[in-house]
């Protein structure tokens, strides 16, 4: 896994946070959540992720849940 793939979740997460179009927000959240889950799952096969990054991933998932709940 290269650095670009490892940080894909960050780009998608930020895109979801900055999405202003309500009709696109659900899809942006879904894309970000999937990328985060892939990063968490993929880390086991490609070495470990740092505790700092694991915390960032967990915080991002929590923030996405909160954003999603605000929209419902």
PDB file of N, CA and C in Angstrom:
ATOM      1  N   UNK A   1       0.854  -1.176   0.000  1.00  0.00           N
ATOM      2  CA  UNK A   1       0.000   0.000   0.000  1.00  0.00           C
ATOM      3  C   UNK A   1       0.896   1.233   0.000  1.00  0.00           C
ATOM      4  N   UNK A   2       0.647   2.120  -0.957  1.00  0.00           N
ATOM      5  CA  UNK A   2       1.491   3.306  -1.025  1.00  0.00           C
ATOM      6  C   UNK A   2       0.893   4.444  -0.199  1.00  0.00           C
ATOM      7  N   UNK A   3       1.655   5.500  -0.078  1.00  0.00           N
ATOM      8  CA  UNK A   3       1.237   6.622   0.770  1.00  0.00           C
ATOM      9  C   UNK A   3      -0.074   7.243   0.287  1.00  0.00           C
ATOM     10  N   UNK A   4      -0.237   7.303  -1.016  1.00  0.00           N
ATOM     11  CA  UNK A   4      -1.473   7.878  -1.571  1.00  0.00           C
ATOM     12  C   UNK A   4      -2.692   7.069  -1.128  1.00  0.00           C
ATOM     13  N   UNK A   5      -2.591   5.756  -1.181  1.00  0.00           N
ATOM     14  CA  UNK A   5      -3.696   4.900  -0.758  1.00  0.00           C
ATOM     15  C   UNK A   5      -3.934   5.011   0.747  1.00  0.00           C
ATOM     16  N   UNK A   6      -2.865   5.130   1.510  1.00  0.00           N
ATOM     17  CA  UNK A   6      -2.979   5.233   2.955  1.00  0.00           C
ATOM     18  C   UNK A   6      -3.706   6.501   3.383  1.00  0.00           C
ATOM     19  N   UNK A   7      -3.584   7.555   2.603  1.00  0.00           N
ATOM     20  CA  UNK A   7      -4.175   8.828   2.989  1.00  0.00           C
ATOM     21  C   UNK A   7      -5.423   9.180   2.184  1.00  0.00           C
ATOM     22  N   UNK A   8      -5.888   8.240   1.385  1.00  0.00           N
ATOM     23  CA  UNK A   8      -7.117   8.436   0.603  1.00  0.00           C
ATOM     24  C   UNK A   8      -8.282   8.783   1.527  1.00  0.00           C
ATOM     25  N   UNK A   9      -8.321   8.152   2.691  1.00  0.00           N
ATOM     26  CA  UNK A   9      -9.427   8.380   3.611  1.00  0.00           C
ATOM     27  C   UNK A   9      -9.497   9.836   4.060  1.00  0.00           C
ATOM     28  N   UNK A  10      -8.335  10.471   4.180  1.00  0.00           N
ATOM     29  CA  UNK A  10      -8.299  11.867   4.635  1.00  0.00           C
ATOM     30  C   UNK A  10      -8.967  12.772   3.605  1.00  0.00           C
ATOM     31  N   UNK A  11      -8.650  12.562   2.342  1.00  0.00           N
ATOM     32  CA  UNK A  11      -9.236  13.373   1.275  1.00  0.00           C
ATOM     33  C   UNK A  11     -10.748  13.180   1.244  1.00  0.00           C
ATOM     34  N   UNK A  12     -11.201  11.934   1.307  1.00  0.00           N
ATOM     35  CA  UNK A  12     -12.637  11.668   1.257  1.00  0.00           C
ATOM     36  C   UNK A  12     -13.352  12.176   2.507  1.00  0.00           C
ATOM     37  N   UNK A  13     -12.705  12.082   3.640  1.00  0.00           N
ATOM     38  CA  UNK A  13     -13.273  12.587   4.892  1.00  0.00           C
ATOM     39  C   UNK A  13     -13.452  14.110   4.820  1.00  0.00           C
ATOM     40  N   UNK A  14     -12.433  14.798   4.379  1.00  0.00           N
ATOM     41  CA  UNK A  14     -12.516  16.255   4.268  1.00  0.00           C
ATOM     42  C   UNK A  14     -13.573  16.665   3.243  1.00  0.00           C
ATOM     43  N   UNK A  15     -13.664  15.908   2.160  1.00  0.00           N
ATOM     44  CA  UNK A  15     -14.672  16.190   1.145  1.00  0.00           C
ATOM     45  C   UNK A  15     -16.070  16.087   1.743  1.00  0.00           C
ATOM     46  N   UNK A  16     -16.294  15.070   2.557  1.00  0.00           N
ATOM     47  CA  UNK A  16     -17.602  14.911   3.212  1.00  0.00           C
ATOM     48  C   UNK A  16     -17.878  16.068   4.157  1.00  0.00           C
ATOM     49  N   UNK A  17     -16.897  16.453   4.928  1.00  0.00           N
ATOM     50  CA  UNK A  17     -17.095  17.546   5.887  1.00  0.00           C
ATOM     51  C   UNK A  17     -17.416  18.868   5.208  1.00  0.00           C
ATOM     52  N   UNK A  18     -16.866  19.064   4.019  1.00  0.00           N
ATOM     53  CA  UNK A  18     -17.027  20.335   3.325  1.00  0.00           C
ATOM     54  C   UNK A  18     -18.171  20.348   2.316  1.00  0.00           C
ATOM     55  N   UNK A  19     -18.857  19.211   2.164  1.00  0.00           N
ATOM     56  CA  UNK A  19     -19.944  19.124   1.191  1.00  0.00           C
ATOM     57  C   UNK A  19     -21.112  20.018   1.614  1.00  0.00           C
ATOM     58  N   UNK A  20     -21.519  20.892   0.735  1.00  0.00           N
ATOM     59  CA  UNK A  20     -22.617  21.812   1.007  1.00  0.00           C
ATOM     60  C   UNK A  20     -23.925  21.355   0.369  1.00  0.00           C
ATOM     61  N   UNK A  21     -23.828  20.504  -0.624  1.00  0.00           N
ATOM     62  CA  UNK A  21     -25.004  20.021  -1.338  1.00  0.00           C
ATOM     63  C   UNK A  21     -25.594  18.836  -0.569  1.00  0.00           C
ATOM     64  N   UNK A  22     -26.741  19.058   0.052  1.00  0.00           N
ATOM     65  CA  UNK A  22     -27.368  18.016   0.877  1.00  0.00           C
ATOM     66  C   UNK A  22     -27.655  16.748   0.085  1.00  0.00           C
ATOM     67  N   UNK A  23     -27.920  16.876  -1.215  1.00  0.00           N
ATOM     68  CA  UNK A  23     -28.222  15.698  -2.024  1.00  0.00           C
ATOM     69  C   UNK A  23     -26.986  14.825  -2.257  1.00  0.00           C
ATOM     70  N   UNK A  24     -25.804  15.368  -2.039  1.00  0.00           N
ATOM     71  CA  UNK A  24     -24.561  14.620  -2.231  1.00  0.00           C
ATOM     72  C   UNK A  24     -23.930  14.171  -0.912  1.00  0.00           C
ATOM     73  N   UNK A  25     -24.405  14.733   0.185  1.00  0.00           N
ATOM     74  CA  UNK A  25     -23.761  14.498   1.475  1.00  0.00           C
ATOM     75  C   UNK A  25     -23.776  13.033   1.895  1.00  0.00           C
ATOM     76  N   UNK A  26     -24.892  12.363   1.729  1.00  0.00           N
ATOM     77  CA  UNK A  26     -24.988  10.952   2.145  1.00  0.00           C
ATOM     78  C   UNK A  26     -23.946  10.116   1.412  1.00  0.00           C
ATOM     79  N   UNK A  27     -23.794  10.346   0.111  1.00  0.00           N
ATOM     80  CA  UNK A  27     -22.806   9.593  -0.666  1.00  0.00           C
ATOM     81  C   UNK A  27     -21.382   9.929  -0.228  1.00  0.00           C
ATOM     82  N   UNK A  28     -21.113  11.187   0.052  1.00  0.00           N
ATOM     83  CA  UNK A  28     -19.776  11.599   0.514  1.00  0.00           C
ATOM     84  C   UNK A  28     -19.435  10.939   1.850  1.00  0.00           C
ATOM     85  N   UNK A  29     -20.408  10.897   2.751  1.00  0.00           N
ATOM     86  CA  UNK A  29     -20.195  10.244   4.043  1.00  0.00           C
ATOM     87  C   UNK A  29     -19.917   8.762   3.838  1.00  0.00           C
ATOM     88  N   UNK A  30     -20.688   8.139   2.971  1.00  0.00           N
ATOM     89  CA  UNK A  30     -20.501   6.711   2.692  1.00  0.00           C
ATOM     90  C   UNK A  30     -19.099   6.445   2.128  1.00  0.00           C
ATOM     91  N   UNK A  31     -18.673   7.240   1.177  1.00  0.00           N
ATOM     92  CA  UNK A  31     -17.342   7.070   0.576  1.00  0.00           C
ATOM     93  C   UNK A  31     -16.238   7.220   1.616  1.00  0.00           C
ATOM     94  N   UNK A  32     -16.369   8.231   2.463  1.00  0.00           N
ATOM     95  CA  UNK A  32     -15.357   8.466   3.498  1.00  0.00           C
ATOM     96  C   UNK A  32     -15.333   7.316   4.491  1.00  0.00           C
ATOM     97  N   UNK A  33     -16.502   6.872   4.914  1.00  0.00           N
ATOM     98  CA  UNK A  33     -16.588   5.779   5.886  1.00  0.00           C
ATOM     99  C   UNK A  33     -15.966   4.497   5.317  1.00  0.00           C
ATOM    100  N   UNK A  34     -16.239   4.203   4.057  1.00  0.00           N
ATOM    101  CA  UNK A  34     -15.661   3.010   3.432  1.00  0.00           C
ATOM    102  C   UNK A  34     -14.136   3.105   3.353  1.00  0.00           C
ATOM    103  N   UNK A  35     -13.626   4.272   3.006  1.00  0.00           N
ATOM    104  CA  UNK A  35     -12.176   4.457   2.923  1.00  0.00           C
ATOM    105  C   UNK A  35     -11.524   4.284   4.293  1.00  0.00           C
ATOM    106  N   UNK A  36     -12.187   4.778   5.324  1.00  0.00           N
ATOM    107  CA  UNK A  36     -11.664   4.631   6.684  1.00  0.00           C
ATOM    108  C   UNK A  36     -11.652   3.162   7.083  1.00  0.00           C
ATOM    109  N   UNK A  37     -12.739   2.468   6.803  1.00  0.00           N
ATOM    110  CA  UNK A  37     -12.803   1.039   7.127  1.00  0.00           C
ATOM    111  C   UNK A  37     -11.766   0.242   6.351  1.00  0.00           C
ATOM    112  N   UNK A  38     -11.562   0.593   5.082  1.00  0.00           N
ATOM    113  CA  UNK A  38     -10.528  -0.072   4.285  1.00  0.00           C
ATOM    114  C   UNK A  38      -9.149   0.159   4.889  1.00  0.00           C
ATOM    115  N   UNK A  39      -8.902   1.372   5.338  1.00  0.00           N
ATOM    116  CA  UNK A  39      -7.601   1.684   5.957  1.00  0.00           C
ATOM    117  C   UNK A  39      -7.408   0.873   7.229  1.00  0.00           C
ATOM    118  N   UNK A  40      -8.454   0.791   8.049  1.00  0.00           N
ATOM    119  CA  UNK A  40      -8.360   0.007   9.277  1.00  0.00           C
ATOM    120  C   UNK A  40      -8.155  -1.478   8.966  1.00  0.00           C
ATOM    121  N   UNK A  41      -8.893  -1.997   7.999  1.00  0.00           N
ATOM    122  CA  UNK A  41      -8.785  -3.411   7.647  1.00  0.00           C
ATOM    123  C   UNK A  41      -7.478  -3.705   6.916  1.00  0.00           C
ATOM    124  N   UNK A  42      -7.081  -2.804   6.037  1.00  0.00           N
ATOM    125  CA  UNK A  42      -5.880  -3.010   5.245  1.00  0.00           C
ATOM    126  C   UNK A  42      -4.603  -2.904   6.045  1.00  0.00           C
ATOM    127  N   UNK A  43      -4.665  -2.222   7.161  1.00  0.00           N
ATOM    128  CA  UNK A  43      -3.459  -2.047   7.959  1.00  0.00           C
ATOM    129  C   UNK A  43      -2.974  -3.372   8.528  1.00  0.00           C
ATOM    130  N   UNK A  44      -3.886  -4.303   8.752  1.00  0.00           N
ATOM    131  CA  UNK A  44      -3.475  -5.585   9.329  1.00  0.00           C
ATOM    132  C   UNK A  44      -2.650  -6.402   8.346  1.00  0.00           C
ATOM    133  N   UNK A  45      -2.900  -6.216   7.053  1.00  0.00           N
ATOM    134  CA  UNK A  45      -2.153  -6.965   6.057  1.00  0.00           C
ATOM    135  C   UNK A  45      -0.902  -6.270   5.568  1.00  0.00           C
ATOM    136  N   UNK A  46      -0.759  -5.018   5.880  1.00  0.00           N
ATOM    137  CA  UNK A  46       0.370  -4.223   5.369  1.00  0.00           C
ATOM    138  C   UNK A  46       1.112  -3.517   6.493  1.00  0.00           C
ATOM    139  N   UNK A  47       1.246  -4.181   7.596  1.00  0.00           N
ATOM    140  CA  UNK A  47       1.892  -3.550   8.728  1.00  0.00           C
ATOM    141  C   UNK A  47       0.853  -2.879   9.601  1.00  0.00           C
ATOM    142  N   UNK A  48       1.315  -2.307  10.651  1.00  0.00           N
ATOM    143  CA  UNK A  48       0.368  -1.689  11.574  1.00  0.00           C
ATOM    144  C   UNK A  48       0.317  -0.187  11.356  1.00  0.00           C
ATOM    145  N   UNK A  49      -0.781   0.390  11.763  1.00  0.00           N
ATOM    146  CA  UNK A  49      -0.884   1.845  11.745  1.00  0.00           C
ATOM    147  C   UNK A  49      -0.560   2.342  13.147  1.00  0.00           C
ATOM    148  N   UNK A  50      -0.141   3.565  13.211  1.00  0.00           N
ATOM    149  CA  UNK A  50       0.240   4.114  14.507  1.00  0.00           C
ATOM    150  C   UNK A  50      -1.001   4.320  15.372  1.00  0.00           C
ATOM    151  N   UNK A  51      -0.774   4.413  16.667  1.00  0.00           N
ATOM    152  CA  UNK A  51      -1.870   4.707  17.579  1.00  0.00           C
ATOM    153  C   UNK A  51      -2.475   6.066  17.258  1.00  0.00           C
ATOM    154  N   UNK A  52      -1.646   6.995  16.849  1.00  0.00           N
ATOM    155  CA  UNK A  52      -2.125   8.332  16.490  1.00  0.00           C
ATOM    156  C   UNK A  52      -3.088   8.261  15.305  1.00  0.00           C
ATOM    157  N   UNK A  53      -2.698   7.522  14.258  1.00  0.00           N
ATOM    158  CA  UNK A  53      -3.576   7.417  13.098  1.00  0.00           C
ATOM    159  C   UNK A  53      -4.840   6.641  13.443  1.00  0.00           C
ATOM    160  N   UNK A  54      -4.726   5.594  14.238  1.00  0.00           N
ATOM    161  CA  UNK A  54      -5.917   4.836  14.647  1.00  0.00           C
ATOM    162  C   UNK A  54      -6.895   5.771  15.372  1.00  0.00           C
ATOM    163  N   UNK A  55      -6.376   6.637  16.226  1.00  0.00           N
ATOM    164  CA  UNK A  55      -7.215   7.609  16.906  1.00  0.00           C
ATOM    165  C   UNK A  55      -7.869   8.573  15.928  1.00  0.00           C
ATOM    166  N   UNK A  56      -7.107   9.000  14.933  1.00  0.00           N
ATOM    167  CA  UNK A  56      -7.657   9.895  13.921  1.00  0.00           C
ATOM    168  C   UNK A  56      -8.769   9.208  13.137  1.00  0.00           C
ATOM    169  N   UNK A  57      -8.572   7.943  12.808  1.00  0.00           N
ATOM    170  CA  UNK A  57      -9.591   7.183  12.079  1.00  0.00           C
ATOM    171  C   UNK A  57     -10.863   7.044  12.911  1.00  0.00           C
ATOM    172  N   UNK A  58     -10.702   6.730  14.178  1.00  0.00           N
ATOM    173  CA  UNK A  58     -11.858   6.584  15.060  1.00  0.00           C
ATOM    174  C   UNK A  58     -12.577   7.921  15.249  1.00  0.00           C
ATOM    175  N   UNK A  59     -11.819   9.001  15.398  1.00  0.00           N
ATOM    176  CA  UNK A  59     -12.420  10.336  15.516  1.00  0.00           C
ATOM    177  C   UNK A  59     -13.184  10.704  14.243  1.00  0.00           C
ATOM    178  N   UNK A  60     -12.608  10.359  13.102  1.00  0.00           N
ATOM    179  CA  UNK A  60     -13.269  10.659  11.829  1.00  0.00           C
ATOM    180  C   UNK A  60     -14.584   9.897  11.706  1.00  0.00           C
ATOM    181  N   UNK A  61     -14.588   8.626  12.089  1.00  0.00           N
ATOM    182  CA  UNK A  61     -15.833   7.859  12.043  1.00  0.00           C
ATOM    183  C   UNK A  61     -16.891   8.478  12.953  1.00  0.00           C
ATOM    184  N   UNK A  62     -16.466   8.902  14.126  1.00  0.00           N
ATOM    185  CA  UNK A  62     -17.398   9.546  15.066  1.00  0.00           C
ATOM    186  C   UNK A  62     -17.952  10.839  14.468  1.00  0.00           C
ATOM    187  N   UNK A  63     -17.099  11.628  13.868  1.00  0.00           N
ATOM    188  CA  UNK A  63     -17.537  12.893  13.266  1.00  0.00           C
ATOM    189  C   UNK A  63     -18.492  12.656  12.106  1.00  0.00           C
ATOM    190  N   UNK A  64     -18.229  11.632  11.321  1.00  0.00           N
ATOM    191  CA  UNK A  64     -19.130  11.304  10.218  1.00  0.00           C
ATOM    192  C   UNK A  64     -20.504  10.890  10.724  1.00  0.00           C
ATOM    193  N   UNK A  65     -20.519  10.122  11.825  1.00  0.00           N
ATOM    194  CA  UNK A  65     -21.796   9.731  12.432  1.00  0.00           C
ATOM    195  C   UNK A  65     -22.564  10.967  12.896  1.00  0.00           C
ATOM    196  N   UNK A  66     -21.858  11.878  13.533  1.00  0.00           N
ATOM    197  CA  UNK A  66     -22.500  13.098  14.019  1.00  0.00           C
ATOM    198  C   UNK A  66     -23.043  13.928  12.845  1.00  0.00           C
ATOM    199  N   UNK A  67     -22.261  14.047  11.787  1.00  0.00           N
ATOM    200  CA  UNK A  67     -22.699  14.799  10.606  1.00  0.00           C
ATOM    201  C   UNK A  67     -23.927  14.135   9.994  1.00  0.00           C
ATOM    202  N   UNK A  68     -23.909  12.839   9.911  1.00  0.00           N
ATOM    203  CA  UNK A  68     -25.033  12.096   9.359  1.00  0.00           C
ATOM    204  C   UNK A  68     -26.294  12.305  10.206  1.00  0.00           C
ATOM    205  N   UNK A  69     -26.142  12.291  11.519  1.00  0.00           N
ATOM    206  CA  UNK A  69     -27.286  12.485  12.418  1.00  0.00           C
ATOM    207  C   UNK A  69     -27.847  13.896  12.318  1.00  0.00           C
ATOM    208  N   UNK A  70     -27.012  14.864  12.017  1.00  0.00           N
ATOM    209  CA  UNK A  70     -27.474  16.242  11.857  1.00  0.00           C
ATOM    210  C   UNK A  70     -28.373  16.381  10.631  1.00  0.00           C
ATOM    211  N   UNK A  71     -28.125  15.548   9.652  1.00  0.00           N
ATOM    212  CA  UNK A  71     -28.872  15.615   8.398  1.00  0.00           C
ATOM    213  C   UNK A  71     -30.197  14.884   8.445  1.00  0.00           C
ATOM    214  N   UNK A  72     -30.403  14.034   9.462  1.00  0.00           N
ATOM    215  CA  UNK A  72     -31.658  13.271   9.526  1.00  0.00           C
ATOM    216  C   UNK A  72     -32.654  13.906  10.428  1.00  0.00           C
TER     217      UNK A  72
END
